[in-house]
């Protein structure tokens, strides 16, 4: 066992190598006959032979790479290189769509309780950020065992405002409300 530091500041562990060396690795192995570790945390210095590994941090479990932070700061899950430069979070799966799960760990969810959110913010030109729009997933009615009625709410911010407003809702009946928070028809425009 190795303990570094005593709770004070400035303690750490440095793995150093020459600039032309390959990846620097912390490995987790349970079987010495394996060709590589079951788990690893790896960093690729500038001179690493695999171009995609240069200046990237890689995380492996069960002998396979699961996540990397590439040299551009993009977080890539399920692939070893960026699939598109313009997105900071990329989830890639083989034979399935990439997915992100949002969950509320609460067994007593009541109507209106938020289950998950995707929110966009904009810089207010002074270093602070304000919510500009989003998608909220909510309980549409009280939840019970194997009974999870839900709705999706879409929000945007009007010109001259700094507060989001619900613009569209899809409820648990499949009714869609545009500028209508309680749709009573398949398409209900308020």
N, C-alpha and C. Protein backbone atom coordinates (compact mmCIF):
# COMPACT_ATOMS: atom_id res chain seq x y z
N UNK A 1 0.84 -1.19 0.00
CA UNK A 1 0.00 0.00 0.00
C UNK A 1 0.88 1.24 0.00
N UNK A 2 0.40 2.27 -0.67
CA UNK A 2 1.16 3.50 -0.77
C UNK A 2 0.24 4.66 -0.43
N UNK A 3 0.64 5.47 0.52
CA UNK A 3 -0.10 6.66 0.88
C UNK A 3 0.78 7.85 0.58
N UNK A 4 0.26 8.83 -0.17
CA UNK A 4 1.04 9.99 -0.54
C UNK A 4 0.46 11.20 0.17
N UNK A 5 1.28 11.89 0.93
CA UNK A 5 0.84 13.11 1.59
C UNK A 5 0.18 12.84 2.93
N UNK A 6 -0.07 13.91 3.65
CA UNK A 6 -0.68 13.81 4.97
C UNK A 6 -1.86 14.75 5.11
N UNK A 7 -2.47 15.10 3.99
CA UNK A 7 -3.60 16.03 4.02
C UNK A 7 -3.20 17.46 3.77
N UNK A 8 -1.89 17.72 3.73
CA UNK A 8 -1.43 19.07 3.46
C UNK A 8 -1.48 19.38 1.97
N UNK A 9 -1.05 20.55 1.60
CA UNK A 9 -1.10 20.94 0.19
C UNK A 9 0.18 20.53 -0.53
N UNK A 10 0.10 20.42 -1.83
CA UNK A 10 1.28 20.19 -2.65
C UNK A 10 1.79 18.76 -2.68
N UNK A 11 0.99 17.78 -2.29
CA UNK A 11 1.42 16.39 -2.32
C UNK A 11 0.89 15.72 -3.58
N UNK A 12 1.63 14.78 -4.12
CA UNK A 12 1.14 14.09 -5.29
C UNK A 12 2.12 13.06 -5.79
N UNK A 13 1.79 12.44 -6.91
CA UNK A 13 2.60 11.44 -7.55
C UNK A 13 2.79 11.86 -8.99
N UNK A 14 4.01 11.88 -9.45
CA UNK A 14 4.31 12.27 -10.84
C UNK A 14 4.92 11.08 -11.55
N UNK A 15 4.40 10.78 -12.75
CA UNK A 15 5.00 9.77 -13.61
C UNK A 15 5.67 10.55 -14.73
N UNK A 16 6.99 10.43 -14.82
CA UNK A 16 7.76 11.24 -15.77
C UNK A 16 8.39 10.34 -16.81
N UNK A 17 8.41 10.81 -18.05
CA UNK A 17 9.09 10.07 -19.10
C UNK A 17 9.64 11.06 -20.12
N UNK A 18 10.57 10.61 -20.93
CA UNK A 18 11.12 11.46 -21.98
C UNK A 18 10.03 11.77 -23.02
N UNK A 19 10.16 12.88 -23.72
CA UNK A 19 9.15 13.34 -24.67
C UNK A 19 8.86 12.36 -25.78
N UNK A 20 9.80 11.49 -26.15
CA UNK A 20 9.59 10.56 -27.26
C UNK A 20 9.05 9.21 -26.80
N UNK A 21 8.78 9.07 -25.50
CA UNK A 21 8.32 7.78 -24.98
C UNK A 21 6.84 7.57 -25.27
N UNK A 22 6.42 6.28 -25.19
CA UNK A 22 5.01 5.95 -25.36
C UNK A 22 4.24 6.24 -24.07
N UNK A 23 2.99 5.80 -24.06
CA UNK A 23 2.05 6.14 -22.98
C UNK A 23 2.59 5.88 -21.58
N UNK A 24 2.23 6.76 -20.67
CA UNK A 24 2.49 6.59 -19.25
C UNK A 24 1.24 5.95 -18.66
N UNK A 25 1.40 4.87 -17.87
CA UNK A 25 0.25 4.06 -17.49
C UNK A 25 0.26 3.70 -16.02
N UNK A 26 -0.92 3.76 -15.42
CA UNK A 26 -1.18 3.15 -14.12
C UNK A 26 -2.05 1.95 -14.42
N UNK A 27 -1.57 0.74 -14.08
CA UNK A 27 -2.27 -0.50 -14.45
C UNK A 27 -2.83 -1.21 -13.25
N UNK A 28 -3.93 -1.91 -13.47
CA UNK A 28 -4.58 -2.73 -12.45
C UNK A 28 -4.70 -4.14 -13.04
N UNK A 29 -3.96 -5.11 -12.46
CA UNK A 29 -3.94 -6.47 -12.98
C UNK A 29 -4.26 -7.46 -11.88
N UNK A 30 -4.94 -8.56 -12.26
CA UNK A 30 -5.16 -9.65 -11.32
C UNK A 30 -4.53 -10.94 -11.82
N UNK A 31 -4.04 -10.93 -13.05
CA UNK A 31 -3.47 -12.14 -13.64
C UNK A 31 -2.20 -11.76 -14.40
N UNK A 32 -1.06 -12.23 -13.95
CA UNK A 32 0.21 -11.83 -14.55
C UNK A 32 0.41 -12.35 -15.97
N UNK A 33 -0.40 -13.31 -16.42
CA UNK A 33 -0.22 -13.86 -17.77
C UNK A 33 -0.97 -13.08 -18.83
N UNK A 34 -1.77 -12.08 -18.44
CA UNK A 34 -2.50 -11.29 -19.43
C UNK A 34 -1.54 -10.42 -20.23
N UNK A 35 -1.87 -10.19 -21.49
CA UNK A 35 -1.01 -9.36 -22.32
C UNK A 35 -1.10 -7.89 -21.94
N UNK A 36 -2.21 -7.49 -21.30
CA UNK A 36 -2.32 -6.12 -20.80
C UNK A 36 -3.25 -6.14 -19.59
N UNK A 37 -3.25 -5.06 -18.86
CA UNK A 37 -4.02 -4.99 -17.63
C UNK A 37 -5.51 -4.96 -17.90
N UNK A 38 -6.29 -5.44 -16.92
CA UNK A 38 -7.75 -5.35 -17.03
C UNK A 38 -8.22 -3.90 -16.91
N UNK A 39 -7.53 -3.12 -16.10
CA UNK A 39 -7.87 -1.72 -15.91
C UNK A 39 -6.64 -0.85 -16.03
N UNK A 40 -6.81 0.33 -16.63
CA UNK A 40 -5.67 1.24 -16.80
C UNK A 40 -6.15 2.69 -16.81
N UNK A 41 -5.27 3.54 -16.34
CA UNK A 41 -5.37 4.97 -16.57
C UNK A 41 -4.10 5.32 -17.31
N UNK A 42 -4.24 5.90 -18.48
CA UNK A 42 -3.08 6.07 -19.36
C UNK A 42 -3.07 7.49 -19.93
N UNK A 43 -1.87 8.06 -20.07
CA UNK A 43 -1.71 9.36 -20.71
C UNK A 43 -0.70 9.23 -21.84
N UNK A 44 -1.02 9.82 -22.98
CA UNK A 44 -0.12 9.77 -24.13
C UNK A 44 0.66 11.06 -24.27
N UNK A 45 1.96 11.05 -23.98
CA UNK A 45 2.78 12.25 -24.17
C UNK A 45 2.83 12.67 -25.64
N UNK A 46 3.40 13.80 -25.91
CA UNK A 46 3.45 14.36 -27.27
C UNK A 46 4.07 13.40 -28.27
N UNK A 47 5.08 12.63 -27.83
CA UNK A 47 5.77 11.74 -28.76
C UNK A 47 5.21 10.33 -28.85
N UNK A 48 4.06 10.07 -28.25
CA UNK A 48 3.46 8.73 -28.31
C UNK A 48 3.28 8.30 -29.77
N UNK A 49 3.56 7.03 -30.08
CA UNK A 49 3.56 6.57 -31.46
C UNK A 49 2.18 6.61 -32.12
N UNK A 50 1.10 6.39 -31.36
CA UNK A 50 -0.25 6.46 -31.93
C UNK A 50 -0.72 7.90 -31.87
N UNK A 51 -0.94 8.50 -33.03
CA UNK A 51 -1.26 9.93 -33.10
C UNK A 51 -2.48 10.29 -32.27
N UNK A 52 -3.55 9.47 -32.31
CA UNK A 52 -4.77 9.79 -31.56
C UNK A 52 -4.54 9.78 -30.06
N UNK A 53 -3.49 9.08 -29.59
CA UNK A 53 -3.20 9.01 -28.15
C UNK A 53 -2.40 10.20 -27.64
N UNK A 54 -1.85 11.01 -28.53
CA UNK A 54 -1.00 12.12 -28.10
C UNK A 54 -1.81 13.14 -27.31
N UNK A 55 -1.30 13.47 -26.14
CA UNK A 55 -1.94 14.43 -25.23
C UNK A 55 -3.37 14.03 -24.87
N UNK A 56 -3.64 12.73 -24.82
CA UNK A 56 -4.96 12.23 -24.44
C UNK A 56 -4.85 11.42 -23.15
N UNK A 57 -5.93 11.44 -22.36
CA UNK A 57 -6.03 10.64 -21.15
C UNK A 57 -7.03 9.52 -21.44
N UNK A 58 -6.63 8.26 -21.22
CA UNK A 58 -7.46 7.12 -21.57
C UNK A 58 -7.76 6.28 -20.33
N UNK A 59 -8.98 5.75 -20.27
CA UNK A 59 -9.43 4.94 -19.14
C UNK A 59 -9.92 3.59 -19.68
N UNK A 60 -9.39 2.49 -19.13
CA UNK A 60 -9.74 1.15 -19.59
C UNK A 60 -10.31 0.34 -18.43
N UNK A 61 -11.31 -0.49 -18.73
CA UNK A 61 -11.81 -1.49 -17.79
C UNK A 61 -12.04 -2.77 -18.57
N UNK A 62 -11.94 -3.90 -17.87
CA UNK A 62 -12.19 -5.21 -18.48
C UNK A 62 -11.43 -5.36 -19.80
N UNK A 63 -10.21 -4.87 -19.82
CA UNK A 63 -9.29 -4.95 -20.95
C UNK A 63 -9.73 -4.17 -22.19
N UNK A 64 -10.65 -3.23 -22.05
CA UNK A 64 -11.07 -2.42 -23.20
C UNK A 64 -11.16 -0.95 -22.83
N UNK A 65 -10.80 -0.07 -23.77
CA UNK A 65 -10.92 1.36 -23.51
C UNK A 65 -12.39 1.74 -23.40
N UNK A 66 -12.74 2.47 -22.36
CA UNK A 66 -14.13 2.87 -22.12
C UNK A 66 -14.35 4.37 -22.29
N UNK A 67 -13.33 5.17 -21.99
CA UNK A 67 -13.47 6.62 -22.08
C UNK A 67 -12.11 7.24 -22.33
N UNK A 68 -12.12 8.36 -23.06
CA UNK A 68 -10.89 9.12 -23.22
C UNK A 68 -11.23 10.60 -23.23
N UNK A 69 -10.27 11.38 -22.76
CA UNK A 69 -10.31 12.83 -22.90
C UNK A 69 -9.21 13.14 -23.90
N UNK A 70 -9.60 13.60 -25.09
CA UNK A 70 -8.60 13.77 -26.14
C UNK A 70 -7.85 15.09 -25.98
N UNK A 71 -6.89 15.33 -26.87
CA UNK A 71 -6.03 16.51 -26.76
C UNK A 71 -6.81 17.82 -26.88
N UNK A 72 -8.02 17.78 -27.47
CA UNK A 72 -8.86 18.97 -27.58
C UNK A 72 -9.81 19.15 -26.41
N UNK A 73 -9.74 18.24 -25.40
CA UNK A 73 -10.62 18.33 -24.24
C UNK A 73 -11.97 17.66 -24.43
N UNK A 74 -12.17 16.98 -25.55
CA UNK A 74 -13.44 16.29 -25.79
C UNK A 74 -13.48 15.00 -24.98
N UNK A 75 -14.62 14.70 -24.36
CA UNK A 75 -14.82 13.45 -23.64
C UNK A 75 -15.49 12.48 -24.61
N UNK A 76 -14.83 11.34 -24.85
CA UNK A 76 -15.30 10.37 -25.82
C UNK A 76 -15.53 9.05 -25.10
N UNK A 77 -16.76 8.57 -25.15
CA UNK A 77 -17.13 7.32 -24.51
C UNK A 77 -17.50 6.33 -25.60
N UNK A 78 -16.84 5.17 -25.62
CA UNK A 78 -17.16 4.13 -26.57
C UNK A 78 -16.39 4.18 -27.87
N UNK A 79 -15.46 5.09 -28.02
CA UNK A 79 -14.62 5.18 -29.22
C UNK A 79 -13.24 5.65 -28.81
N UNK A 80 -12.27 5.47 -29.69
CA UNK A 80 -10.90 5.86 -29.36
C UNK A 80 -10.48 7.17 -30.01
N UNK A 81 -11.39 7.77 -30.80
CA UNK A 81 -11.09 9.08 -31.37
C UNK A 81 -12.40 9.82 -31.59
N UNK A 82 -12.29 11.13 -31.71
CA UNK A 82 -13.45 11.99 -31.89
C UNK A 82 -14.16 11.67 -33.21
N UNK A 83 -15.51 11.61 -33.17
CA UNK A 83 -16.26 11.38 -34.40
C UNK A 83 -16.63 12.70 -35.07
N UNK A 84 -16.61 13.79 -34.31
CA UNK A 84 -16.89 15.13 -34.83
C UNK A 84 -16.22 16.14 -33.90
N UNK A 85 -15.57 17.15 -34.45
CA UNK A 85 -14.80 18.08 -33.63
C UNK A 85 -15.64 19.05 -32.82
N UNK A 86 -16.89 19.27 -33.22
CA UNK A 86 -17.67 20.35 -32.63
C UNK A 86 -18.45 19.99 -31.37
N UNK A 87 -18.31 18.76 -30.86
CA UNK A 87 -19.05 18.37 -29.66
C UNK A 87 -18.09 17.88 -28.59
N UNK A 88 -18.22 18.45 -27.38
CA UNK A 88 -17.30 18.14 -26.29
C UNK A 88 -17.60 16.80 -25.63
N UNK A 89 -18.85 16.32 -25.70
CA UNK A 89 -19.21 15.01 -25.16
C UNK A 89 -19.72 14.16 -26.30
N UNK A 90 -19.08 13.01 -26.51
CA UNK A 90 -19.46 12.12 -27.60
C UNK A 90 -19.64 10.71 -27.05
N UNK A 91 -20.82 10.12 -27.28
CA UNK A 91 -21.11 8.77 -26.83
C UNK A 91 -21.35 7.92 -28.07
N UNK A 92 -20.54 6.89 -28.24
CA UNK A 92 -20.59 6.04 -29.43
C UNK A 92 -20.78 4.59 -28.97
N UNK A 93 -21.72 3.87 -29.59
CA UNK A 93 -21.92 2.46 -29.28
C UNK A 93 -21.96 1.66 -30.57
N UNK A 94 -21.47 0.43 -30.51
CA UNK A 94 -21.51 -0.45 -31.66
C UNK A 94 -22.89 -1.10 -31.75
N UNK A 95 -23.51 -1.05 -32.93
CA UNK A 95 -24.79 -1.68 -33.22
C UNK A 95 -25.96 -1.14 -32.39
N UNK A 96 -25.77 -0.06 -31.69
CA UNK A 96 -26.83 0.59 -30.91
C UNK A 96 -26.66 2.09 -31.04
N UNK A 97 -27.73 2.86 -30.81
CA UNK A 97 -27.55 4.32 -30.81
C UNK A 97 -26.80 4.75 -29.56
N UNK A 98 -25.97 5.79 -29.68
CA UNK A 98 -25.33 6.37 -28.51
C UNK A 98 -26.41 6.88 -27.58
N UNK A 99 -26.22 6.74 -26.29
CA UNK A 99 -27.28 7.14 -25.36
C UNK A 99 -26.70 7.69 -24.07
N UNK A 100 -27.47 8.55 -23.44
CA UNK A 100 -27.15 9.09 -22.13
C UNK A 100 -28.39 8.90 -21.27
N UNK A 101 -28.26 8.31 -20.11
CA UNK A 101 -29.40 8.07 -19.23
C UNK A 101 -29.41 9.11 -18.12
N UNK A 102 -30.58 9.70 -17.90
CA UNK A 102 -30.80 10.61 -16.79
C UNK A 102 -31.80 9.93 -15.86
N UNK A 103 -31.55 9.92 -14.58
CA UNK A 103 -32.45 9.22 -13.66
C UNK A 103 -32.58 9.96 -12.34
N UNK A 104 -33.76 9.85 -11.76
CA UNK A 104 -34.00 10.36 -10.42
C UNK A 104 -34.11 9.16 -9.49
N UNK A 105 -33.29 9.11 -8.47
CA UNK A 105 -33.28 7.99 -7.54
C UNK A 105 -34.18 8.32 -6.36
N UNK A 106 -35.48 8.19 -6.58
CA UNK A 106 -36.47 8.55 -5.57
C UNK A 106 -37.69 7.67 -5.80
N UNK A 107 -38.05 6.86 -4.84
CA UNK A 107 -39.16 5.91 -5.03
C UNK A 107 -40.53 6.56 -4.83
N UNK A 108 -40.59 7.80 -4.42
CA UNK A 108 -41.88 8.45 -4.16
C UNK A 108 -42.05 9.68 -5.05
N UNK A 109 -41.87 9.51 -6.35
CA UNK A 109 -41.98 10.63 -7.28
C UNK A 109 -43.43 11.04 -7.43
N UNK A 110 -43.69 12.32 -7.25
CA UNK A 110 -45.06 12.83 -7.40
C UNK A 110 -45.17 13.67 -8.66
N UNK A 111 -46.39 13.94 -9.09
CA UNK A 111 -46.65 14.70 -10.31
C UNK A 111 -45.89 16.02 -10.29
N UNK A 112 -45.23 16.33 -11.41
CA UNK A 112 -44.48 17.58 -11.54
C UNK A 112 -43.03 17.48 -11.13
N UNK A 113 -42.64 16.37 -10.51
CA UNK A 113 -41.24 16.22 -10.08
C UNK A 113 -40.34 16.02 -11.30
N UNK A 114 -39.22 16.73 -11.34
CA UNK A 114 -38.28 16.61 -12.44
C UNK A 114 -37.56 15.26 -12.36
N UNK A 115 -37.45 14.58 -13.51
CA UNK A 115 -36.76 13.31 -13.61
C UNK A 115 -35.39 13.46 -14.24
N UNK A 116 -35.23 14.46 -15.10
CA UNK A 116 -33.96 14.73 -15.77
C UNK A 116 -34.07 16.01 -16.58
N UNK A 117 -32.94 16.62 -16.88
CA UNK A 117 -32.94 17.88 -17.63
C UNK A 117 -31.74 17.95 -18.58
N UNK A 118 -31.97 18.61 -19.69
CA UNK A 118 -30.89 19.04 -20.58
C UNK A 118 -31.05 20.55 -20.66
N UNK A 119 -30.04 21.29 -20.25
CA UNK A 119 -30.17 22.75 -20.13
C UNK A 119 -29.02 23.42 -20.88
N UNK A 120 -29.32 24.48 -21.62
CA UNK A 120 -28.31 25.28 -22.32
C UNK A 120 -28.17 26.63 -21.63
N UNK A 121 -26.92 27.08 -21.47
CA UNK A 121 -26.63 28.36 -20.82
C UNK A 121 -25.84 29.25 -21.77
N UNK A 122 -25.97 30.56 -21.58
CA UNK A 122 -25.19 31.52 -22.33
C UNK A 122 -24.47 32.45 -21.38
N UNK A 123 -23.25 32.88 -21.77
CA UNK A 123 -22.47 33.80 -20.96
C UNK A 123 -23.11 35.18 -21.03
N UNK A 124 -23.28 35.82 -19.88
CA UNK A 124 -23.94 37.12 -19.82
C UNK A 124 -22.97 38.27 -19.99
N UNK A 125 -21.80 38.01 -20.58
CA UNK A 125 -20.79 39.02 -20.88
C UNK A 125 -20.09 39.56 -19.64
N UNK A 126 -20.35 38.96 -18.48
CA UNK A 126 -19.65 39.38 -17.26
C UNK A 126 -19.10 38.18 -16.50
N UNK A 127 -19.05 37.02 -17.18
CA UNK A 127 -18.53 35.82 -16.54
C UNK A 127 -19.60 34.97 -15.88
N UNK A 128 -20.83 35.47 -15.77
CA UNK A 128 -21.91 34.67 -15.23
C UNK A 128 -22.69 34.03 -16.38
N UNK A 129 -23.40 32.96 -16.08
CA UNK A 129 -24.16 32.24 -17.09
C UNK A 129 -25.64 32.24 -16.73
N UNK A 130 -26.48 32.39 -17.75
CA UNK A 130 -27.93 32.35 -17.54
C UNK A 130 -28.53 31.26 -18.41
N UNK A 131 -29.56 30.61 -17.88
CA UNK A 131 -30.25 29.57 -18.62
C UNK A 131 -30.95 30.17 -19.82
N UNK A 132 -30.76 29.56 -20.99
CA UNK A 132 -31.35 30.08 -22.23
C UNK A 132 -32.44 29.17 -22.79
N UNK A 133 -32.38 27.90 -22.49
CA UNK A 133 -33.37 26.96 -23.00
C UNK A 133 -33.09 25.58 -22.46
N UNK A 134 -34.06 24.70 -22.65
CA UNK A 134 -33.82 23.35 -22.17
C UNK A 134 -34.98 22.41 -22.42
N UNK A 135 -34.74 21.18 -22.06
CA UNK A 135 -35.73 20.12 -22.14
C UNK A 135 -35.80 19.50 -20.75
N UNK A 136 -37.00 19.41 -20.19
CA UNK A 136 -37.19 18.84 -18.87
C UNK A 136 -38.08 17.61 -18.97
N UNK A 137 -37.68 16.55 -18.32
CA UNK A 137 -38.47 15.32 -18.25
C UNK A 137 -39.07 15.27 -16.85
N UNK A 138 -40.39 15.14 -16.76
CA UNK A 138 -41.09 15.22 -15.48
C UNK A 138 -42.08 14.07 -15.31
N UNK A 139 -42.43 13.81 -14.05
CA UNK A 139 -43.55 12.92 -13.76
C UNK A 139 -44.83 13.68 -14.14
N UNK A 140 -45.69 13.05 -14.93
CA UNK A 140 -46.94 13.69 -15.34
C UNK A 140 -48.04 13.48 -14.30
N UNK A 141 -47.96 12.38 -13.59
CA UNK A 141 -48.85 12.06 -12.47
C UNK A 141 -47.99 11.37 -11.42
N UNK A 142 -48.57 11.05 -10.27
CA UNK A 142 -47.80 10.35 -9.24
C UNK A 142 -47.33 9.00 -9.77
N UNK A 143 -46.10 8.63 -9.40
CA UNK A 143 -45.53 7.35 -9.84
C UNK A 143 -45.82 6.27 -8.82
N UNK A 144 -45.99 5.05 -9.32
CA UNK A 144 -46.15 3.87 -8.49
C UNK A 144 -45.32 2.75 -9.07
N UNK A 145 -45.40 1.57 -8.50
CA UNK A 145 -44.66 0.42 -9.00
C UNK A 145 -45.12 0.09 -10.42
N UNK A 146 -44.16 0.03 -11.34
CA UNK A 146 -44.44 -0.24 -12.76
C UNK A 146 -45.45 0.72 -13.35
N UNK A 147 -45.49 1.95 -12.86
CA UNK A 147 -46.43 2.98 -13.34
C UNK A 147 -45.70 4.32 -13.31
N UNK A 148 -45.16 4.74 -14.44
CA UNK A 148 -44.31 5.92 -14.50
C UNK A 148 -44.80 6.92 -15.55
N UNK A 149 -46.00 7.50 -15.42
CA UNK A 149 -46.46 8.49 -16.40
C UNK A 149 -45.53 9.70 -16.42
N UNK A 150 -45.15 10.12 -17.62
CA UNK A 150 -44.19 11.22 -17.71
C UNK A 150 -44.57 12.17 -18.82
N UNK A 151 -43.92 13.32 -18.79
CA UNK A 151 -44.11 14.34 -19.83
C UNK A 151 -42.76 14.98 -20.13
N UNK A 152 -42.70 15.61 -21.31
CA UNK A 152 -41.49 16.32 -21.72
C UNK A 152 -41.88 17.77 -21.96
N UNK A 153 -41.11 18.70 -21.38
CA UNK A 153 -41.36 20.13 -21.54
C UNK A 153 -40.17 20.77 -22.25
N UNK A 154 -40.45 21.64 -23.22
CA UNK A 154 -39.43 22.34 -23.98
C UNK A 154 -39.50 23.83 -23.65
N UNK A 155 -38.35 24.43 -23.31
CA UNK A 155 -38.29 25.83 -22.90
C UNK A 155 -37.36 26.63 -23.80
N UNK A 156 -37.72 27.88 -24.06
CA UNK A 156 -36.82 28.84 -24.72
C UNK A 156 -36.94 30.17 -23.99
N UNK A 157 -36.05 31.08 -24.33
CA UNK A 157 -36.06 32.42 -23.74
C UNK A 157 -36.38 33.45 -24.82
N UNK A 158 -37.31 34.31 -24.52
CA UNK A 158 -37.72 35.35 -25.49
C UNK A 158 -36.68 36.45 -25.58
N UNK A 159 -36.66 37.17 -26.70
CA UNK A 159 -35.78 38.31 -26.89
C UNK A 159 -36.08 39.35 -25.81
N UNK A 160 -35.05 39.89 -25.18
CA UNK A 160 -35.23 40.90 -24.14
C UNK A 160 -35.51 40.32 -22.76
N UNK A 161 -35.44 39.00 -22.62
CA UNK A 161 -35.73 38.35 -21.34
C UNK A 161 -34.53 37.52 -20.89
N UNK A 162 -34.50 37.16 -19.62
CA UNK A 162 -33.47 36.25 -19.12
C UNK A 162 -34.11 35.08 -18.37
N UNK A 163 -35.39 34.83 -18.65
CA UNK A 163 -36.13 33.76 -18.01
C UNK A 163 -36.71 32.83 -19.07
N UNK A 164 -36.54 31.53 -18.88
CA UNK A 164 -37.08 30.59 -19.85
C UNK A 164 -38.59 30.45 -19.67
N UNK A 165 -39.25 30.15 -20.77
CA UNK A 165 -40.70 29.94 -20.79
C UNK A 165 -40.99 28.62 -21.48
N UNK A 166 -41.91 27.85 -20.93
CA UNK A 166 -42.31 26.62 -21.59
C UNK A 166 -43.02 26.95 -22.89
N UNK A 167 -42.55 26.34 -24.00
CA UNK A 167 -43.13 26.59 -25.32
C UNK A 167 -43.92 25.40 -25.84
N UNK A 168 -43.50 24.18 -25.43
CA UNK A 168 -44.17 22.99 -25.93
C UNK A 168 -44.10 21.90 -24.86
N UNK A 169 -45.15 21.06 -24.85
CA UNK A 169 -45.22 19.96 -23.89
C UNK A 169 -45.82 18.74 -24.57
N UNK A 170 -45.24 17.57 -24.28
CA UNK A 170 -45.82 16.30 -24.68
C UNK A 170 -46.15 15.57 -23.39
N UNK A 171 -47.45 15.28 -23.17
CA UNK A 171 -47.83 14.67 -21.89
C UNK A 171 -47.88 13.16 -21.99
N UNK A 172 -48.26 12.52 -20.89
CA UNK A 172 -48.25 11.05 -20.83
C UNK A 172 -49.30 10.42 -21.72
N UNK A 173 -50.30 11.18 -22.20
CA UNK A 173 -51.30 10.67 -23.14
C UNK A 173 -50.83 10.79 -24.59
N UNK A 174 -49.68 11.45 -24.79
CA UNK A 174 -49.20 11.70 -26.15
C UNK A 174 -49.77 12.97 -26.74
N UNK A 175 -50.51 13.75 -25.94
CA UNK A 175 -51.03 15.03 -26.40
C UNK A 175 -49.91 16.07 -26.42
N UNK A 176 -49.89 16.90 -27.46
CA UNK A 176 -48.87 17.93 -27.64
C UNK A 176 -49.50 19.29 -27.45
N UNK A 177 -48.92 20.07 -26.57
CA UNK A 177 -49.38 21.44 -26.36
C UNK A 177 -48.30 22.42 -26.81
N UNK A 178 -48.67 23.36 -27.69
CA UNK A 178 -47.76 24.43 -28.08
C UNK A 178 -48.32 25.70 -27.47
N UNK A 179 -47.51 26.34 -26.61
CA UNK A 179 -47.97 27.47 -25.79
C UNK A 179 -49.22 27.07 -25.01
N UNK A 180 -49.28 25.82 -24.62
CA UNK A 180 -50.41 25.27 -23.87
C UNK A 180 -49.85 24.21 -22.92
N UNK A 181 -49.94 24.49 -21.59
CA UNK A 181 -49.32 23.59 -20.62
C UNK A 181 -50.22 22.42 -20.23
N UNK A 182 -51.48 22.45 -20.60
CA UNK A 182 -52.39 21.34 -20.30
C UNK A 182 -53.13 20.94 -21.57
N UNK A 183 -52.44 20.31 -22.53
CA UNK A 183 -53.09 19.96 -23.78
C UNK A 183 -54.22 18.96 -23.55
N UNK A 184 -55.33 19.14 -24.29
CA UNK A 184 -56.47 18.25 -24.17
C UNK A 184 -56.77 17.53 -25.49
N UNK A 185 -55.91 17.78 -26.51
CA UNK A 185 -56.08 17.13 -27.81
C UNK A 185 -54.70 16.68 -28.28
N UNK A 186 -54.67 15.88 -29.35
CA UNK A 186 -53.39 15.43 -29.86
C UNK A 186 -52.48 16.58 -30.24
N UNK A 187 -53.04 17.68 -30.75
CA UNK A 187 -52.29 18.91 -30.97
C UNK A 187 -53.15 20.06 -30.49
N UNK A 188 -52.66 20.72 -29.44
CA UNK A 188 -53.42 21.79 -28.79
C UNK A 188 -52.55 23.05 -28.80
N UNK A 189 -52.92 24.03 -29.67
CA UNK A 189 -52.14 25.26 -29.81
C UNK A 189 -52.81 26.36 -29.02
N UNK A 190 -52.06 26.94 -28.06
CA UNK A 190 -52.60 27.99 -27.22
C UNK A 190 -52.36 29.36 -27.82
